[in-house]
């Protein structure tokens, strides 16, 4: 995952890379899972973004540096990370 002023580039194995333009990023949050896949802790970074008239969530499980990724997203795109509410 690369974060720059222009947007977020997500390099994926087995699929095409994904670029999210900076102006499309709406929010970032930590989560334990999405789409039926769950982790033991809040190690999943979820980026909410707009593509045309759709709002999409893209989940990222960085190998290293979850906190660093959240801070980079917050600082580059003026969004605040929200934590998933406790159950």
N, C-alpha and C. Protein backbone atom coordinates (compact mmCIF):
# COMPACT_ATOMS: atom_id res chain seq x y z
N UNK A 1 0.86 -1.18 0.00
CA UNK A 1 0.00 0.00 0.00
C UNK A 1 0.90 1.23 0.00
N UNK A 2 0.65 2.12 -0.95
CA UNK A 2 1.40 3.37 -1.05
C UNK A 2 0.42 4.53 -0.90
N UNK A 3 0.75 5.47 -0.02
CA UNK A 3 -0.09 6.63 0.22
C UNK A 3 0.67 7.87 -0.23
N UNK A 4 0.06 8.67 -1.09
CA UNK A 4 0.66 9.91 -1.58
C UNK A 4 -0.43 10.96 -1.71
N UNK A 5 -0.03 12.18 -1.99
CA UNK A 5 -1.00 13.27 -2.11
C UNK A 5 -2.03 12.99 -3.20
N UNK A 6 -1.65 12.22 -4.23
CA UNK A 6 -2.56 11.92 -5.35
C UNK A 6 -3.59 10.86 -5.00
N UNK A 7 -3.28 10.01 -4.03
CA UNK A 7 -4.22 8.96 -3.67
C UNK A 7 -3.52 7.76 -3.05
N UNK A 8 -4.22 6.63 -3.05
CA UNK A 8 -3.73 5.40 -2.45
C UNK A 8 -3.58 4.35 -3.56
N UNK A 9 -2.38 3.77 -3.64
CA UNK A 9 -2.14 2.69 -4.59
C UNK A 9 -2.03 1.40 -3.80
N UNK A 10 -2.87 0.43 -4.16
CA UNK A 10 -2.86 -0.87 -3.48
C UNK A 10 -2.39 -1.90 -4.49
N UNK A 11 -1.20 -2.44 -4.24
CA UNK A 11 -0.67 -3.49 -5.10
C UNK A 11 -1.19 -4.82 -4.58
N UNK A 12 -1.81 -5.61 -5.46
CA UNK A 12 -2.43 -6.86 -5.04
C UNK A 12 -1.83 -8.03 -5.80
N UNK A 13 -1.66 -9.13 -5.08
CA UNK A 13 -1.20 -10.36 -5.71
C UNK A 13 -2.42 -11.09 -6.29
N UNK A 14 -2.32 -11.53 -7.51
CA UNK A 14 -3.40 -12.29 -8.12
C UNK A 14 -4.56 -11.46 -8.62
N UNK A 15 -4.44 -10.13 -8.56
CA UNK A 15 -5.49 -9.24 -9.05
C UNK A 15 -4.83 -7.95 -9.52
N UNK A 16 -5.55 -7.18 -10.29
CA UNK A 16 -5.03 -5.89 -10.75
C UNK A 16 -4.84 -4.95 -9.57
N UNK A 17 -3.82 -4.09 -9.68
CA UNK A 17 -3.61 -3.07 -8.66
C UNK A 17 -4.82 -2.14 -8.64
N UNK A 18 -5.03 -1.50 -7.50
CA UNK A 18 -6.16 -0.59 -7.33
C UNK A 18 -5.63 0.78 -6.92
N UNK A 19 -6.08 1.82 -7.61
CA UNK A 19 -5.73 3.19 -7.25
C UNK A 19 -6.99 3.91 -6.80
N UNK A 20 -6.94 4.52 -5.61
CA UNK A 20 -8.06 5.31 -5.10
C UNK A 20 -7.60 6.76 -5.11
N UNK A 21 -8.21 7.62 -5.94
CA UNK A 21 -7.81 9.02 -5.99
C UNK A 21 -8.07 9.72 -4.65
N UNK A 22 -7.22 10.67 -4.31
CA UNK A 22 -7.33 11.37 -3.03
C UNK A 22 -8.72 11.97 -2.81
N UNK A 23 -9.28 12.56 -3.86
CA UNK A 23 -10.58 13.23 -3.70
C UNK A 23 -11.72 12.25 -3.46
N UNK A 24 -11.49 10.96 -3.70
CA UNK A 24 -12.52 9.95 -3.50
C UNK A 24 -12.56 9.41 -2.07
N UNK A 25 -11.47 9.57 -1.32
CA UNK A 25 -11.39 9.02 0.04
C UNK A 25 -12.34 9.78 0.96
N UNK A 26 -13.20 9.04 1.65
CA UNK A 26 -14.18 9.64 2.57
C UNK A 26 -13.84 9.41 4.03
N UNK A 27 -13.37 8.22 4.38
CA UNK A 27 -13.04 7.93 5.77
C UNK A 27 -12.14 6.72 5.86
N UNK A 28 -11.60 6.52 7.04
CA UNK A 28 -10.79 5.34 7.32
C UNK A 28 -11.18 4.86 8.71
N UNK A 29 -11.22 3.55 8.88
CA UNK A 29 -11.56 3.02 10.20
C UNK A 29 -10.83 1.70 10.42
N UNK A 30 -10.71 1.34 11.67
CA UNK A 30 -10.15 0.04 12.04
C UNK A 30 -11.31 -0.91 12.26
N UNK A 31 -11.12 -2.16 11.87
CA UNK A 31 -12.18 -3.14 12.02
C UNK A 31 -11.58 -4.51 12.32
N UNK A 32 -12.44 -5.40 12.79
CA UNK A 32 -12.02 -6.78 13.01
C UNK A 32 -12.33 -7.65 11.81
N UNK A 33 -13.12 -7.13 10.88
CA UNK A 33 -13.42 -7.92 9.70
C UNK A 33 -14.44 -7.25 8.81
N UNK A 34 -14.67 -7.90 7.66
CA UNK A 34 -15.70 -7.44 6.73
C UNK A 34 -15.96 -8.57 5.74
N UNK A 35 -17.12 -8.58 5.14
CA UNK A 35 -17.51 -9.56 4.12
C UNK A 35 -17.33 -11.00 4.61
N UNK A 36 -17.67 -11.24 5.88
CA UNK A 36 -17.63 -12.59 6.41
C UNK A 36 -16.28 -13.11 6.83
N UNK A 37 -15.24 -12.27 6.77
CA UNK A 37 -13.90 -12.67 7.20
C UNK A 37 -13.51 -11.82 8.41
N UNK A 38 -13.09 -12.49 9.47
CA UNK A 38 -12.82 -11.79 10.72
C UNK A 38 -11.44 -12.09 11.27
N UNK A 39 -10.88 -11.09 11.94
CA UNK A 39 -9.58 -11.19 12.59
C UNK A 39 -9.79 -11.18 14.09
N UNK A 40 -8.78 -11.54 14.84
CA UNK A 40 -8.90 -11.53 16.30
C UNK A 40 -8.86 -10.13 16.89
N UNK A 41 -8.18 -9.23 16.23
CA UNK A 41 -8.08 -7.86 16.74
C UNK A 41 -8.44 -6.88 15.63
N UNK A 42 -8.39 -5.60 15.92
CA UNK A 42 -8.72 -4.59 14.92
C UNK A 42 -7.51 -4.34 14.03
N UNK A 43 -7.12 -5.34 13.27
CA UNK A 43 -5.96 -5.24 12.41
C UNK A 43 -6.31 -4.97 10.96
N UNK A 44 -7.56 -4.70 10.69
CA UNK A 44 -8.00 -4.43 9.33
C UNK A 44 -8.25 -2.93 9.19
N UNK A 45 -7.65 -2.32 8.16
CA UNK A 45 -7.87 -0.91 7.88
C UNK A 45 -8.89 -0.84 6.74
N UNK A 46 -10.01 -0.17 6.97
CA UNK A 46 -11.07 -0.06 5.98
C UNK A 46 -11.11 1.38 5.46
N UNK A 47 -10.92 1.53 4.16
CA UNK A 47 -10.99 2.83 3.51
C UNK A 47 -12.34 2.93 2.81
N UNK A 48 -13.12 3.94 3.16
CA UNK A 48 -14.40 4.20 2.50
C UNK A 48 -14.15 5.28 1.46
N UNK A 49 -14.61 5.02 0.22
CA UNK A 49 -14.35 5.95 -0.87
C UNK A 49 -15.48 5.93 -1.88
N UNK A 50 -15.52 6.97 -2.70
CA UNK A 50 -16.56 7.12 -3.72
C UNK A 50 -16.01 6.76 -5.08
N UNK A 51 -16.82 6.01 -5.84
CA UNK A 51 -16.51 5.68 -7.23
C UNK A 51 -17.79 5.94 -8.01
N UNK A 52 -17.83 7.04 -8.71
CA UNK A 52 -19.07 7.44 -9.38
C UNK A 52 -20.13 7.73 -8.35
N UNK A 53 -21.28 7.07 -8.46
CA UNK A 53 -22.35 7.28 -7.49
C UNK A 53 -22.37 6.22 -6.39
N UNK A 54 -21.31 5.41 -6.32
CA UNK A 54 -21.24 4.35 -5.31
C UNK A 54 -20.26 4.70 -4.20
N UNK A 55 -20.59 4.27 -3.00
CA UNK A 55 -19.68 4.35 -1.87
C UNK A 55 -19.17 2.94 -1.62
N UNK A 56 -17.86 2.79 -1.60
CA UNK A 56 -17.23 1.48 -1.46
C UNK A 56 -16.36 1.42 -0.22
N UNK A 57 -16.23 0.23 0.34
CA UNK A 57 -15.29 -0.04 1.42
C UNK A 57 -14.23 -0.99 0.89
N UNK A 58 -12.97 -0.65 1.09
CA UNK A 58 -11.87 -1.51 0.72
C UNK A 58 -11.09 -1.84 1.99
N UNK A 59 -11.00 -3.13 2.30
CA UNK A 59 -10.31 -3.57 3.51
C UNK A 59 -8.86 -3.91 3.20
N UNK A 60 -7.97 -3.44 4.06
CA UNK A 60 -6.54 -3.67 3.89
C UNK A 60 -5.99 -4.33 5.14
N UNK A 61 -5.28 -5.40 4.97
CA UNK A 61 -4.61 -6.06 6.09
C UNK A 61 -3.11 -5.96 5.82
N UNK A 62 -2.51 -4.83 6.26
CA UNK A 62 -1.08 -4.68 6.00
C UNK A 62 -0.26 -5.71 6.79
N UNK A 63 0.80 -6.17 6.19
CA UNK A 63 1.67 -7.12 6.88
C UNK A 63 2.34 -6.47 8.07
N UNK A 64 2.66 -5.21 7.92
CA UNK A 64 3.31 -4.45 8.99
C UNK A 64 2.71 -3.05 9.01
N UNK A 65 2.69 -2.44 10.18
CA UNK A 65 2.39 -1.02 10.26
C UNK A 65 0.95 -0.59 10.11
N UNK A 66 0.02 -1.29 10.74
CA UNK A 66 -1.38 -0.86 10.68
C UNK A 66 -1.53 0.57 11.18
N UNK A 67 -0.92 0.89 12.32
CA UNK A 67 -1.02 2.24 12.87
C UNK A 67 -0.40 3.28 11.93
N UNK A 68 0.73 2.94 11.32
CA UNK A 68 1.39 3.85 10.40
C UNK A 68 0.52 4.12 9.17
N UNK A 69 -0.15 3.08 8.68
CA UNK A 69 -1.04 3.25 7.53
C UNK A 69 -2.20 4.16 7.87
N UNK A 70 -2.80 3.96 9.03
CA UNK A 70 -3.92 4.82 9.46
C UNK A 70 -3.45 6.26 9.57
N UNK A 71 -2.30 6.50 10.19
CA UNK A 71 -1.78 7.87 10.33
C UNK A 71 -1.52 8.50 8.97
N UNK A 72 -0.96 7.74 8.03
CA UNK A 72 -0.68 8.27 6.70
C UNK A 72 -1.98 8.64 5.98
N UNK A 73 -2.98 7.79 6.08
CA UNK A 73 -4.28 8.09 5.45
C UNK A 73 -4.91 9.32 6.08
N UNK A 74 -4.86 9.41 7.40
CA UNK A 74 -5.44 10.58 8.08
C UNK A 74 -4.76 11.87 7.65
N UNK A 75 -3.44 11.86 7.62
CA UNK A 75 -2.72 13.10 7.32
C UNK A 75 -2.82 13.50 5.84
N UNK A 76 -2.83 12.56 4.93
CA UNK A 76 -2.89 12.89 3.51
C UNK A 76 -4.28 13.31 3.04
N UNK A 77 -5.31 12.76 3.66
CA UNK A 77 -6.65 12.96 3.13
C UNK A 77 -7.61 13.66 4.08
N UNK A 78 -7.08 14.21 5.17
CA UNK A 78 -7.90 14.98 6.13
C UNK A 78 -9.12 14.20 6.58
N UNK A 79 -8.93 12.92 6.89
CA UNK A 79 -9.99 12.09 7.46
C UNK A 79 -9.51 11.61 8.81
N UNK A 80 -10.44 11.26 9.66
CA UNK A 80 -10.10 10.72 10.97
C UNK A 80 -10.49 9.27 11.03
N UNK A 81 -9.64 8.48 11.64
CA UNK A 81 -9.95 7.06 11.82
C UNK A 81 -10.98 6.93 12.91
N UNK A 82 -11.96 6.11 12.66
CA UNK A 82 -12.97 5.82 13.67
C UNK A 82 -12.84 4.36 14.03
N UNK A 83 -12.94 4.08 15.29
CA UNK A 83 -12.84 2.70 15.73
C UNK A 83 -14.22 2.07 15.69
N UNK A 84 -14.24 0.80 15.44
CA UNK A 84 -15.48 0.04 15.39
C UNK A 84 -16.09 0.04 16.79
N UNK A 85 -17.38 0.31 16.91
CA UNK A 85 -18.01 0.30 18.23
C UNK A 85 -17.91 -1.07 18.89
N UNK A 86 -17.78 -1.08 20.20
CA UNK A 86 -17.73 -2.34 20.95
C UNK A 86 -19.09 -3.02 20.91
N UNK A 87 -19.08 -4.35 20.90
CA UNK A 87 -20.36 -5.05 20.91
C UNK A 87 -20.79 -5.34 22.31
